[in-house]
Amino acid sequence: MNSELDILILAAGLGTRMRSGKAKVLHQLDGRPLIAHVCETALKLDPANILVVVGHQAEEVADAVGKEFSDPRIKFVTQEKQLGTGDAAASAREALKDRDSQLLILSGDVPLIAEETLRKLIDNRAAAGILTVRLDDPTGYGRVIRSADGMFERIVEQKDASQAELAVGEINSGIYSFDTRKLFAALAKIGNDNAQGEYYLTDVPGILKGEGETVALFLHSDPLEIEGVNDRRQLAEMERRLRARTIERLMLESGVTFVDPTSVYVSPRASIGRDTVIFQNVTIEGRTAIGENCIIRPGTRITSSKIGDAVEIRDNCLIADSTVGDRSIVGPMAHLRGNAEMAEDCRVGNFVELKKTHLGKGSKANHLTYLGDATIGEKTNIGAGTITCNYDGKDKHPTTIGDNVKIGSDTMLVAPVKVGDGASTAAGSVVIEDVPAKSLVAGVPAKVKKTMSEKA
């Protein structure tokens, strides 16, 4: 842990341009709240403290962060009234008053800022460091004004800028590093004599410069990385650009084939092995890992799952929080959820659902089947229309099916129940008692008709 680094994340605003009843930092990019992206990057820097300034919907923002991270270094401070970014930073005064540290200030609505960029910023030991970028259209951003020798002169907000200043293309990203003690001393000196009547954090570098302190500028080359989300159009455009960048990286660096890159969504957190082919209209979300030489056919959605090598996922499948072993086939139109597990060389066919179920190596469930809370052995065949009746109206119960079992079509397995190795159920059986190994059961309720040592 870097005991000399603290991080402050500004996340108190509502974001009126989102036209939403939800605080801006709670809107999602890549399936996660904007604030979660910023907190994740902050944690990579291994600081002593991360303080999140909350205001609008403070409890909801804190809950959203808490669901993603359990790190005790993340704490919350409240900005009672939204009186500007300077007032927001001042909300952390009490929490940081005894800290002799460097304070990195981030915005909760700038989700794509990279760890490497921030490390370059915090490596400086100036009283203030400002991350800047040049934009073709800087409308809406505070302009960074440099002196004749290229050094920092001041920051001018859009509403306070002259025509000459509005023509400047270099903008303030809203990401800063400060000497913590010098920051709070300067915050006590800022006023709100401006077009918005707010206390601007952007006034602090000018105050420090006037006191003879060094203010460093760090011009960054990637505008997307420092872009904030102000409205839904901007959020959608960021999602599109993030998707395009991710797919390009997977094609060029990982050797993945996309049949139609423009129709596919892949999370930047996902990994895909070489020679895997992704067809059109596929969605891959979260920290999904897909192996090599796989085929993912159209209409499939995979989220937070692990797919082995040489797997084929056929059309229109949904796989969530589950695992598919090497050389297995899923679908078409299959559903895996709730930590379902398919071992190697398995087959799950059309209209089959696995929920919290382990399907053993070489086992098959080809048609129209629900397998919930079940453990199924190796080389077992589940006939069409089979249901594990796992819910009794109050509790869920397990079904255990052994190796080399044949479950006949339309079998109802009323849990809790066990089917022994090598056993079979006849079509239409309702199994309410354990089935001995190497036996055949049939009927409603199912009874043992013979053992496999008997002749038919």
Protein backbone atom coordinates (compact mmCIF):
# COMPACT_ATOMS: atom_id res chain seq x y z
CA MET A 1 0.00 0.00 0.00
CA ASN A 2 1.21 3.50 -0.87
CA SER A 3 0.78 5.29 2.46
CA GLU A 4 1.67 8.61 0.83
CA LEU A 5 -1.26 8.47 -1.63
CA ASP A 6 -4.92 9.24 -0.96
CA ILE A 7 -7.65 9.35 -3.59
CA LEU A 8 -10.77 11.50 -3.64
CA ILE A 9 -13.58 10.64 -6.06
CA LEU A 10 -16.18 13.33 -6.72
CA ALA A 11 -19.59 11.65 -7.07
CA ALA A 12 -22.14 13.95 -5.44
CA GLY A 13 -23.93 15.41 -8.47
CA LEU A 14 -27.29 14.39 -9.86
CA GLY A 15 -26.46 15.00 -13.53
CA THR A 16 -29.52 16.91 -14.75
CA ARG A 17 -28.61 16.40 -18.42
CA MET A 18 -29.15 12.65 -18.00
CA ARG A 19 -32.88 13.45 -17.65
CA SER A 20 -33.11 10.81 -14.95
CA GLY A 21 -34.25 10.32 -11.39
CA LYS A 22 -31.06 8.34 -10.85
CA ALA A 23 -27.75 9.91 -9.85
CA LYS A 24 -25.40 10.11 -12.84
CA VAL A 25 -22.68 7.88 -11.37
CA LEU A 26 -25.25 5.06 -11.02
CA HIS A 27 -25.86 4.88 -14.77
CA GLN A 28 -24.12 1.87 -16.27
CA LEU A 29 -21.29 1.32 -18.72
CA ASP A 30 -20.28 -2.24 -19.55
CA GLY A 31 -23.00 -3.44 -17.17
CA ARG A 32 -21.57 -1.64 -14.11
CA PRO A 33 -22.22 1.75 -12.52
CA LEU A 34 -19.87 4.49 -13.67
CA ILE A 35 -18.60 4.92 -10.11
CA ALA A 36 -17.55 1.25 -9.99
CA HIS A 37 -15.20 1.74 -12.94
CA VAL A 38 -13.49 4.66 -11.21
CA CYS A 39 -13.20 2.85 -7.87
CA GLU A 40 -11.69 -0.19 -9.58
CA THR A 41 -8.98 1.92 -11.21
CA ALA A 42 -8.36 3.75 -7.94
CA LEU A 43 -7.78 0.48 -6.10
CA LYS A 44 -5.15 -0.55 -8.66
CA LEU A 45 -3.03 2.37 -7.43
CA ASP A 46 -3.04 0.79 -3.94
CA PRO A 47 -3.64 4.04 -1.98
CA ALA A 48 -3.98 4.42 1.77
CA ASN A 49 -7.50 5.81 1.50
CA ILE A 50 -10.21 6.22 -1.13
CA LEU A 51 -12.83 8.79 -0.21
CA VAL A 52 -15.99 9.00 -2.32
CA VAL A 53 -17.83 12.31 -2.05
CA VAL A 54 -21.57 11.59 -2.14
CA GLY A 55 -24.59 13.90 -2.20
CA HIS A 56 -27.57 13.05 -4.39
CA GLN A 57 -28.81 9.55 -3.54
CA ALA A 58 -25.86 9.07 -1.20
CA GLU A 59 -27.11 5.73 0.16
CA GLU A 60 -27.72 4.31 -3.30
CA VAL A 61 -24.24 5.33 -4.46
CA ALA A 62 -22.64 3.83 -1.34
CA ASP A 63 -24.64 0.62 -1.82
CA ALA A 64 -23.58 0.37 -5.48
CA VAL A 65 -19.92 0.69 -4.51
CA GLY A 66 -20.36 -1.77 -1.63
CA LYS A 67 -21.81 -4.42 -3.93
CA GLU A 68 -18.73 -4.23 -6.14
CA PHE A 69 -15.99 -3.82 -3.53
CA SER A 70 -15.48 -4.79 0.12
CA ASP A 71 -12.19 -2.96 0.59
CA PRO A 72 -12.13 -1.09 3.95
CA ARG A 73 -10.05 1.70 2.42
CA ILE A 74 -13.13 2.92 0.53
CA LYS A 75 -15.02 5.41 2.67
CA PHE A 76 -17.69 8.03 2.03
CA VAL A 77 -17.94 11.72 2.85
CA THR A 78 -21.04 13.81 2.26
CA GLN A 79 -21.32 17.09 0.41
CA GLU A 80 -24.37 18.54 2.13
CA LYS A 81 -25.12 21.13 -0.56
CA GLN A 82 -23.87 21.00 -4.12
CA LEU A 83 -21.95 24.27 -4.22
CA GLY A 84 -19.33 23.29 -6.78
CA THR A 85 -16.27 21.10 -7.12
CA GLY A 86 -14.27 23.15 -4.65
CA ASP A 87 -16.95 22.65 -2.02
CA ALA A 88 -17.02 18.91 -2.87
CA ALA A 89 -13.28 18.59 -2.29
CA ALA A 90 -13.59 20.55 0.95
CA SER A 91 -16.03 17.90 2.21
CA ALA A 92 -13.03 15.63 2.74
CA ARG A 93 -11.15 18.13 4.91
CA GLU A 94 -12.01 16.48 8.21
CA ALA A 95 -11.17 13.00 6.95
CA LEU A 96 -7.78 14.08 5.57
CA LYS A 97 -6.81 16.92 7.90
CA ASP A 98 -3.89 15.05 9.46
CA ARG A 99 -2.61 13.47 6.26
CA ASP A 100 0.77 14.45 4.88
CA SER A 101 0.07 12.88 1.50
CA GLN A 102 -0.46 13.36 -2.19
CA LEU A 103 -4.16 13.56 -3.06
CA LEU A 104 -5.37 12.30 -6.43
CA ILE A 105 -8.77 13.73 -7.37
CA LEU A 106 -10.94 11.79 -9.82
CA SER A 107 -14.43 12.30 -11.21
CA GLY A 108 -17.01 9.60 -10.66
CA ASP A 109 -18.36 10.08 -14.18
CA VAL A 110 -15.04 9.54 -16.00
CA PRO A 111 -15.02 5.73 -16.17
CA LEU A 112 -12.29 4.96 -18.72
CA ILE A 113 -9.31 6.63 -17.08
CA ALA A 114 -6.39 4.18 -17.08
CA GLU A 115 -4.12 3.17 -14.24
CA GLU A 116 -1.01 3.88 -16.33
CA THR A 117 -2.14 7.45 -17.04
CA LEU A 118 -2.79 8.14 -13.38
CA ARG A 119 0.59 6.74 -12.37
CA LYS A 120 2.30 9.29 -14.62
CA LEU A 121 0.29 12.04 -12.95
CA ILE A 122 1.04 11.01 -9.37
CA ASP A 123 4.73 10.46 -10.08
CA ASN A 124 5.16 14.23 -10.02
CA ARG A 125 5.79 16.06 -6.75
CA ALA A 126 4.44 19.46 -7.76
CA ALA A 127 1.99 21.22 -5.46
CA ALA A 128 -0.60 20.60 -8.17
CA GLY A 129 -0.71 18.43 -11.28
CA ILE A 130 -3.46 18.72 -13.91
CA LEU A 131 -4.27 16.15 -16.58
CA THR A 132 -5.23 17.88 -19.83
CA VAL A 133 -6.15 16.91 -23.37
CA ARG A 134 -6.72 18.74 -26.67
CA LEU A 135 -10.16 18.40 -28.29
CA ASP A 136 -11.38 19.39 -31.72
CA ASP A 137 -14.58 20.56 -30.04
CA PRO A 138 -13.87 21.66 -26.46
CA THR A 139 -17.39 23.03 -25.88
CA GLY A 140 -18.50 22.61 -22.29
CA TYR A 141 -15.06 22.09 -20.79
CA GLY A 142 -12.87 24.43 -18.77
CA ARG A 143 -10.00 25.76 -20.91
CA VAL A 144 -6.37 25.47 -19.81
CA ILE A 145 -4.59 28.75 -20.48
CA ARG A 146 -0.82 28.58 -20.77
CA SER A 147 1.70 31.41 -20.52
CA ALA A 148 3.99 32.38 -23.37
CA ASP A 149 6.58 29.87 -22.18
CA GLY A 150 4.01 27.03 -22.17
CA MET A 151 3.57 26.86 -18.42
CA PHE A 152 0.30 26.87 -16.50
CA GLU A 153 -1.40 30.25 -16.30
CA ARG A 154 -5.01 29.52 -15.26
CA ILE A 155 -8.15 27.48 -15.91
CA VAL A 156 -11.24 29.26 -17.23
CA GLU A 157 -14.68 27.62 -17.10
CA GLN A 158 -16.78 27.72 -20.27
CA LYS A 159 -19.32 30.17 -18.87
CA ASP A 160 -16.60 32.55 -17.71
CA ALA A 161 -14.36 32.40 -20.79
CA SER A 162 -13.76 35.20 -23.27
CA GLN A 163 -14.00 34.57 -27.01
CA ALA A 164 -10.24 34.20 -27.25
CA GLU A 165 -10.22 31.71 -24.39
CA LEU A 166 -13.09 29.74 -25.90
CA ALA A 167 -10.92 29.19 -28.98
CA VAL A 168 -8.35 27.29 -26.88
CA GLY A 169 -8.50 23.54 -27.58
CA GLU A 170 -6.69 22.30 -24.47
CA ILE A 171 -9.16 21.41 -21.73
CA ASN A 172 -9.05 20.48 -18.08
CA SER A 173 -9.92 16.81 -17.59
CA GLY A 174 -11.03 17.34 -13.99
CA ILE A 175 -8.33 14.93 -12.81
CA TYR A 176 -5.71 16.40 -10.48
CA SER A 177 -2.97 15.58 -8.03
CA PHE A 178 -2.35 17.90 -5.08
CA ASP A 179 -0.19 18.17 -2.04
CA THR A 180 -2.99 17.44 0.43
CA ARG A 181 -2.14 20.11 2.99
CA LYS A 182 -1.58 22.78 0.33
CA LEU A 183 -4.88 21.89 -1.33
CA PHE A 184 -6.98 22.44 1.78
CA ALA A 185 -5.10 25.66 2.62
CA ALA A 186 -5.92 26.98 -0.87
CA LEU A 187 -9.55 25.82 -0.71
CA ALA A 188 -10.07 28.15 2.22
CA LYS A 189 -9.18 31.07 -0.08
CA ILE A 190 -11.46 30.45 -3.08
CA GLY A 191 -14.64 32.44 -3.64
CA ASN A 192 -17.78 32.02 -5.72
CA ASP A 193 -17.69 35.24 -7.76
CA ASN A 194 -18.39 33.56 -11.09
CA ALA A 195 -21.24 32.93 -13.52
CA GLN A 196 -22.52 29.91 -11.60
CA GLY A 197 -22.01 31.21 -8.07
CA GLU A 198 -20.05 28.06 -7.21
CA TYR A 199 -16.75 27.30 -5.52
CA TYR A 200 -14.49 26.03 -8.30
CA LEU A 201 -11.75 23.51 -7.59
CA THR A 202 -10.19 24.88 -10.77
CA ASP A 203 -9.33 28.09 -8.87
CA VAL A 204 -6.91 26.21 -6.59
CA PRO A 205 -4.04 25.78 -9.10
CA GLY A 206 -4.12 29.52 -9.78
CA ILE A 207 -3.94 30.29 -6.06
CA LEU A 208 -1.01 27.91 -5.61
CA LYS A 209 0.79 29.42 -8.60
CA GLY A 210 0.29 32.89 -7.14
CA GLU A 211 1.95 31.68 -3.94
CA GLY A 212 5.02 30.54 -5.84
CA GLU A 213 4.13 26.86 -5.96
CA THR A 214 4.72 24.66 -9.01
CA VAL A 215 1.70 23.67 -11.08
CA ALA A 216 2.45 20.92 -13.61
CA LEU A 217 0.44 20.18 -16.74
CA PHE A 218 0.21 16.65 -18.19
CA LEU A 219 -1.11 16.70 -21.75
CA HIS A 220 -2.65 13.31 -22.55
CA SER A 221 -3.10 11.96 -26.06
CA ASP A 222 -6.32 9.91 -25.66
CA PRO A 223 -9.49 12.02 -25.36
CA LEU A 224 -11.73 8.98 -24.82
CA GLU A 225 -9.89 8.04 -21.66
CA ILE A 226 -10.63 11.32 -19.90
CA GLU A 227 -14.13 11.82 -21.31
CA GLY A 228 -16.89 12.36 -18.78
CA VAL A 229 -20.49 11.25 -19.18
CA ASN A 230 -22.88 14.18 -19.27
CA ASP A 231 -25.94 12.82 -21.09
CA ARG A 232 -27.32 9.56 -22.46
CA ARG A 233 -26.07 10.26 -25.97
CA GLN A 234 -22.55 10.55 -24.63
CA LEU A 235 -22.98 7.39 -22.57
CA ALA A 236 -24.16 5.43 -25.62
CA GLU A 237 -21.30 6.77 -27.73
CA MET A 238 -18.80 5.79 -25.03
CA GLU A 239 -20.26 2.28 -24.93
CA ARG A 240 -19.96 2.04 -28.72
CA ARG A 241 -16.39 3.22 -28.80
CA LEU A 242 -15.41 1.00 -25.91
CA ARG A 243 -16.95 -1.99 -27.70
CA ALA A 244 -15.16 -1.18 -30.97
CA ARG A 245 -11.83 -0.80 -29.20
CA THR A 246 -12.28 -4.11 -27.37
CA ILE A 247 -13.18 -6.04 -30.53
CA GLU A 248 -10.27 -4.55 -32.46
CA ARG A 249 -7.88 -5.57 -29.67
CA LEU A 250 -9.23 -9.13 -29.64
CA MET A 251 -8.87 -9.44 -33.40
CA LEU A 252 -5.37 -7.99 -33.63
CA GLU A 253 -3.82 -9.23 -30.39
CA SER A 254 -5.75 -12.39 -29.48
CA GLY A 255 -6.51 -13.87 -32.89
CA VAL A 256 -10.30 -13.92 -32.55
CA THR A 257 -12.56 -13.93 -35.63
CA PHE A 258 -15.71 -11.79 -35.62
CA VAL A 259 -18.05 -12.54 -38.52
CA ASP A 260 -19.72 -9.13 -38.11
CA PRO A 261 -17.83 -6.95 -35.60
CA THR A 262 -20.42 -4.17 -35.72
CA SER A 263 -23.20 -6.39 -34.35
CA VAL A 264 -21.32 -7.93 -31.41
CA TYR A 265 -20.94 -6.67 -27.84
CA VAL A 266 -17.89 -7.84 -25.86
CA SER A 267 -17.02 -6.54 -22.42
CA PRO A 268 -13.46 -5.22 -22.12
CA ARG A 269 -13.17 -7.43 -19.04
CA ALA A 270 -13.75 -10.59 -21.09
CA SER A 271 -10.98 -12.78 -22.53
CA ILE A 272 -11.27 -14.89 -25.70
CA GLY A 273 -8.73 -17.40 -27.00
CA ARG A 274 -7.23 -17.55 -30.47
CA ASP A 275 -9.04 -19.10 -33.41
CA THR A 276 -12.39 -18.70 -31.71
CA VAL A 277 -15.14 -17.54 -34.08
CA ILE A 278 -17.85 -15.16 -32.88
CA PHE A 279 -20.93 -14.87 -35.08
CA GLN A 280 -23.26 -11.87 -35.35
CA ASN A 281 -25.56 -10.64 -32.56
CA VAL A 282 -23.52 -12.24 -29.77
CA THR A 283 -23.24 -10.57 -26.34
CA ILE A 284 -20.33 -11.42 -24.03
CA GLU A 285 -20.54 -9.66 -20.67
CA GLY A 286 -18.53 -9.32 -17.47
CA ARG A 287 -15.40 -11.34 -16.71
CA THR A 288 -16.29 -14.10 -19.13
CA ALA A 289 -13.37 -16.28 -20.27
CA ILE A 290 -13.73 -18.16 -23.56
CA GLY A 291 -11.06 -20.62 -24.65
CA GLU A 292 -9.43 -21.36 -27.99
CA ASN A 293 -11.06 -22.82 -31.12
CA CYS A 294 -14.60 -22.18 -29.94
CA ILE A 295 -17.63 -21.34 -32.08
CA ILE A 296 -20.21 -18.94 -30.64
CA ARG A 297 -23.19 -18.84 -32.97
CA PRO A 298 -25.73 -16.02 -33.51
CA GLY A 299 -28.03 -14.68 -30.82
CA THR A 300 -26.12 -16.05 -27.83
CA ARG A 301 -25.54 -14.15 -24.59
CA ILE A 302 -22.77 -15.21 -22.20
CA THR A 303 -22.22 -13.37 -18.91
CA SER A 304 -19.64 -13.93 -16.16
CA SER A 305 -18.96 -17.50 -17.31
CA LYS A 306 -16.05 -19.74 -18.26
CA ILE A 307 -16.07 -21.56 -21.59
CA GLY A 308 -13.38 -24.17 -22.29
CA ASP A 309 -11.51 -24.96 -25.50
CA ALA A 310 -13.17 -26.29 -28.66
CA VAL A 311 -16.68 -25.59 -27.35
CA GLU A 312 -19.59 -24.89 -29.67
CA ILE A 313 -22.36 -22.65 -28.39
CA ARG A 314 -25.19 -22.91 -30.87
CA ASP A 315 -27.81 -20.31 -31.71
CA ASN A 316 -29.77 -18.30 -29.14
CA CYS A 317 -28.34 -19.63 -25.89
CA LEU A 318 -28.16 -17.84 -22.52
CA ILE A 319 -25.24 -18.75 -20.24
CA ALA A 320 -24.87 -16.88 -16.95
CA ASP A 321 -22.45 -17.48 -14.07
CA SER A 322 -21.68 -20.97 -15.35
CA THR A 323 -18.89 -23.20 -16.69
CA VAL A 324 -18.72 -25.22 -19.91
CA GLY A 325 -15.95 -27.80 -20.24
CA ASP A 326 -13.72 -28.53 -23.23
CA ARG A 327 -15.27 -29.97 -26.40
CA SER A 328 -18.83 -29.57 -25.14
CA ILE A 329 -21.83 -28.48 -27.19
CA VAL A 330 -24.57 -26.18 -25.92
CA GLY A 331 -27.86 -25.43 -27.64
CA PRO A 332 -29.48 -24.26 -29.72
CA MET A 333 -31.79 -22.37 -27.34
CA ALA A 334 -30.33 -23.69 -24.07
CA HIS A 335 -30.09 -21.91 -20.72
CA LEU A 336 -27.32 -22.34 -18.13
CA ARG A 337 -27.49 -20.34 -14.91
CA GLY A 338 -26.82 -20.34 -11.18
CA ASN A 339 -23.31 -21.79 -11.34
CA ALA A 340 -24.24 -24.62 -13.68
CA GLU A 341 -21.27 -26.79 -14.65
CA MET A 342 -20.78 -28.90 -17.76
CA ALA A 343 -17.70 -31.09 -17.65
CA GLU A 344 -15.72 -32.09 -20.74
CA ASP A 345 -17.43 -33.65 -23.77
CA CYS A 346 -20.97 -32.88 -22.60
CA ARG A 347 -24.02 -32.08 -24.68
CA VAL A 348 -26.93 -29.85 -23.70
CA GLY A 349 -29.46 -29.41 -26.49
CA ASN A 350 -32.45 -27.33 -27.44
CA PHE A 351 -34.75 -26.03 -24.72
CA VAL A 352 -32.67 -27.52 -21.91
CA GLU A 353 -32.11 -25.52 -18.71
CA LEU A 354 -29.40 -26.22 -16.14
CA LYS A 355 -29.59 -24.40 -12.81
CA LYS A 356 -27.01 -25.02 -10.08
CA THR A 357 -26.34 -28.39 -11.69
CA HIS A 358 -23.18 -30.35 -12.43
CA LEU A 359 -23.28 -32.44 -15.60
CA GLY A 360 -20.51 -35.06 -15.59
CA LYS A 361 -18.03 -35.83 -18.33
CA GLY A 362 -19.59 -37.22 -21.48
CA SER A 363 -23.18 -36.83 -20.24
CA LYS A 364 -26.04 -35.56 -22.40
CA ALA A 365 -29.37 -33.81 -22.06
CA ASN A 366 -30.49 -33.24 -25.60
CA HIS A 367 -34.07 -31.94 -25.48
CA LEU A 368 -36.76 -30.14 -23.48
CA THR A 369 -35.36 -30.71 -19.98
CA TYR A 370 -35.01 -28.87 -16.66
CA LEU A 371 -32.18 -29.94 -14.38
CA GLY A 372 -32.08 -27.89 -11.18
CA ASP A 373 -29.97 -28.47 -8.03
CA ALA A 374 -28.70 -31.71 -9.52
CA THR A 375 -25.43 -33.63 -9.59
CA ILE A 376 -25.14 -35.90 -12.61
CA GLY A 377 -22.36 -38.40 -13.16
CA GLU A 378 -20.39 -39.37 -16.24
CA LYS A 379 -21.75 -40.83 -19.49
CA THR A 380 -25.34 -40.43 -18.36
CA ASN A 381 -28.15 -39.73 -20.83
CA ILE A 382 -31.11 -37.57 -19.81
CA GLY A 383 -34.18 -38.18 -21.99
CA ALA A 384 -36.42 -35.48 -23.43
CA GLY A 385 -38.92 -33.88 -21.09
CA THR A 386 -37.10 -34.83 -17.87
CA ILE A 387 -37.61 -32.56 -14.86
CA THR A 388 -35.88 -32.53 -11.50
CA CYS A 389 -38.72 -31.43 -9.23
CA ASN A 390 -36.43 -29.58 -6.85
CA TYR A 391 -38.89 -27.23 -5.11
CA ASP A 392 -41.52 -28.40 -2.65
CA GLY A 393 -43.12 -24.99 -2.20
CA LYS A 394 -40.81 -24.05 0.66
CA ASP A 395 -37.31 -25.44 0.13
CA LYS A 396 -35.04 -26.54 -2.71
CA HIS A 397 -33.84 -30.16 -2.66
CA PRO A 398 -31.03 -31.98 -4.52
CA THR A 399 -31.18 -34.72 -7.11
CA THR A 400 -28.19 -37.04 -7.52
CA ILE A 401 -27.83 -39.17 -10.64
CA GLY A 402 -24.90 -41.55 -10.99
CA ASP A 403 -22.66 -42.66 -13.85
CA ASN A 404 -23.94 -44.50 -16.95
CA VAL A 405 -27.58 -43.79 -16.09
CA LYS A 406 -30.38 -43.67 -18.66
CA ILE A 407 -33.26 -41.39 -17.73
CA GLY A 408 -36.29 -42.08 -19.94
CA SER A 409 -38.34 -39.36 -21.60
CA ASP A 410 -40.79 -37.41 -19.41
CA THR A 411 -39.31 -38.70 -16.16
CA MET A 412 -40.14 -36.65 -13.07
CA LEU A 413 -37.45 -36.86 -10.37
CA VAL A 414 -39.07 -35.61 -7.16
CA ALA A 415 -36.23 -34.36 -4.97
CA PRO A 416 -34.60 -35.24 -2.72
CA VAL A 417 -33.85 -38.39 -4.64
CA LYS A 418 -30.87 -40.44 -5.84
CA VAL A 419 -30.45 -42.63 -8.91
CA GLY A 420 -27.64 -45.16 -8.62
CA ASP A 421 -24.92 -45.95 -11.16
CA GLY A 422 -26.06 -47.84 -14.21
CA ALA A 423 -29.78 -47.48 -13.41
CA SER A 424 -32.57 -46.63 -15.87
CA THR A 425 -36.01 -45.04 -15.64
CA ALA A 426 -38.77 -45.88 -18.07
CA ALA A 427 -40.53 -43.17 -20.04
CA GLY A 428 -43.13 -41.28 -18.00
CA SER A 429 -41.84 -42.44 -14.61
CA VAL A 430 -42.41 -40.36 -11.47
CA VAL A 431 -39.48 -41.13 -9.18
CA ILE A 432 -40.15 -40.37 -5.51
CA GLU A 433 -37.76 -42.90 -3.93
CA ASP A 434 -34.08 -43.60 -4.42
CA VAL A 435 -33.33 -45.86 -7.38
CA PRO A 436 -30.85 -48.69 -6.70
CA ALA A 437 -27.80 -49.05 -8.92
CA LYS A 438 -28.24 -51.18 -12.05
CA SER A 439 -32.02 -51.31 -11.76
CA LEU A 440 -34.92 -50.33 -14.00
CA VAL A 441 -37.81 -48.39 -12.49
CA ALA A 442 -41.13 -47.53 -14.13
CA GLY A 443 -44.57 -46.25 -13.28
CA VAL A 444 -46.32 -43.61 -11.16
CA PRO A 445 -44.89 -43.76 -8.60
CA ALA A 446 -41.89 -45.57 -10.06
CA LYS A 447 -41.10 -49.04 -8.76
CA VAL A 448 -38.22 -51.40 -9.46
CA LYS A 449 -39.17 -53.66 -12.34
CA LYS A 450 -35.90 -55.54 -12.72
CA THR A 451 -32.21 -55.38 -12.10
CA MET A 452 -29.71 -55.32 -14.91
CA SER A 453 -28.58 -58.83 -14.01
CA GLU A 454 -32.09 -60.10 -14.91
CA LYS A 455 -33.03 -60.97 -18.45
CA ALA A 456 -35.75 -58.95 -20.14
